[in-house]
Amino acid sequence: MKTIVQSVIFSLLLIVVYYGVQIGIGYYMTLHYVPDIVDSYAQVGYLQHQVSFGVIRGNPGLEFAALFVGGCAAFILLKTLWLRTKRK
C-alpha cells in the first residue's frame, strides 16, 4: 500500500513538472520572440492579419492519464529493481 501511495505522489509531481516545463518554455519563447516582418513578407508574399494562440490537441485527458499511469508504472518498476539490487 505504501508503494502505491508513493507512486501516485510521484506521478502527480511528474505531471506538475511536465506541465510546468511546457508553460515555462512557452513563456520564455514568447518573451524572446522578435518577428522579422520584412523577411517574412519576402518569403511568403503576404502577411497574416489574425494570430491564433494556443495548441490544438486531441484529448488532454488522455495525455494526463498516460502520464499518470506511466509515472506509477515507472516508480513501481524502479523501486522493485532498486530493492532487488540492494538485497544482493
Protein backbone atom coordinates (compact mmCIF):
# COMPACT_ATOMS: atom_id res chain seq x y z
CA MET A 1 0.00 0.00 0.00
CA LYS A 2 2.90 2.34 0.80
CA THR A 3 4.37 1.81 -2.67
CA ILE A 4 1.05 2.66 -4.33
CA VAL A 5 0.74 5.93 -2.40
CA GLN A 6 4.35 6.80 -3.23
CA SER A 7 3.79 6.05 -6.92
CA VAL A 8 0.68 8.27 -7.00
CA ILE A 9 2.61 11.13 -5.38
CA PHE A 10 5.49 10.60 -7.81
CA SER A 11 3.11 10.62 -10.78
CA LEU A 12 1.42 13.83 -9.64
CA LEU A 13 4.80 15.52 -9.19
CA LEU A 14 5.84 14.28 -12.64
CA ILE A 15 2.69 15.82 -14.14
CA VAL A 16 3.27 19.15 -12.37
CA VAL A 17 6.88 19.26 -13.57
CA TYR A 18 5.90 18.25 -17.13
CA TYR A 19 3.26 20.96 -17.49
CA GLY A 20 5.44 23.47 -15.63
CA VAL A 21 8.26 22.93 -18.11
CA GLN A 22 5.83 23.28 -21.03
CA ILE A 23 4.49 26.56 -19.63
CA GLY A 24 7.99 27.83 -18.84
CA ILE A 25 9.30 27.11 -22.34
CA GLY A 26 6.28 28.77 -23.91
CA TYR A 27 6.68 31.82 -21.69
CA TYR A 28 10.40 32.08 -22.48
CA MET A 29 9.79 31.75 -26.21
CA THR A 30 7.05 34.38 -26.07
CA LEU A 31 9.29 36.86 -24.27
CA HIS A 32 12.24 36.39 -26.62
CA TYR A 33 10.46 36.18 -29.97
CA VAL A 34 11.32 39.05 -32.29
CA PRO A 35 9.48 38.90 -35.61
CA ASP A 36 11.24 39.94 -38.78
CA ILE A 37 8.34 41.39 -40.76
CA VAL A 38 10.27 42.38 -43.87
CA ASP A 39 11.91 38.98 -44.28
CA SER A 40 8.62 37.17 -43.57
CA TYR A 41 6.84 39.13 -46.28
CA ALA A 42 9.59 38.39 -48.80
CA GLN A 43 9.39 34.63 -48.15
CA VAL A 44 5.61 34.23 -48.08
CA GLY A 45 4.32 37.04 -50.24
CA TYR A 46 1.56 38.04 -47.80
CA LEU A 47 1.19 38.66 -44.10
CA GLN A 48 -1.48 37.21 -41.86
CA HIS A 49 -3.95 39.61 -40.31
CA GLN A 50 -5.01 37.30 -37.48
CA VAL A 51 -2.96 35.48 -34.88
CA SER A 52 -4.02 32.25 -33.20
CA PHE A 53 -2.86 31.46 -29.68
CA GLY A 54 -2.76 28.07 -28.04
CA VAL A 55 -2.29 24.49 -29.07
CA ILE A 56 -4.78 22.14 -30.67
CA ARG A 57 -4.70 18.74 -29.02
CA GLY A 58 -6.76 15.64 -29.47
CA ASN A 59 -7.58 14.77 -25.87
CA PRO A 60 -5.77 16.41 -22.94
CA GLY A 61 -7.37 13.94 -20.52
CA LEU A 62 -5.69 11.08 -22.35
CA GLU A 63 -2.30 12.80 -22.05
CA PHE A 64 -2.85 13.34 -18.32
CA ALA A 65 -3.92 9.71 -17.83
CA ALA A 66 -0.94 8.40 -19.80
CA LEU A 67 1.47 10.49 -17.72
CA PHE A 68 -0.19 9.33 -14.51
CA VAL A 69 -0.20 5.62 -15.37
CA GLY A 70 3.29 5.79 -16.86
CA GLY A 71 4.62 7.57 -13.77
CA CYS A 72 3.06 5.00 -11.45
CA ALA A 73 4.44 2.12 -13.51
CA ALA A 74 7.90 3.67 -13.73
CA PHE A 75 8.04 4.31 -9.98
CA ILE A 76 6.95 0.77 -9.08
CA LEU A 77 9.37 -0.77 -11.60
CA LEU A 78 12.32 1.33 -10.47
CA LYS A 79 11.57 0.74 -6.79
CA THR A 80 11.35 -3.02 -7.40
CA LEU A 81 14.66 -3.02 -9.27
CA TRP A 82 16.27 -0.87 -6.57
CA LEU A 83 15.16 -3.23 -3.80
CA ARG A 84 16.37 -6.30 -5.73
CA THR A 85 19.83 -4.83 -6.30
CA LYS A 86 20.02 -3.73 -2.67
CA ARG A 87 19.34 -7.27 -1.42
CA LYS A 88 22.14 -8.84 -3.46
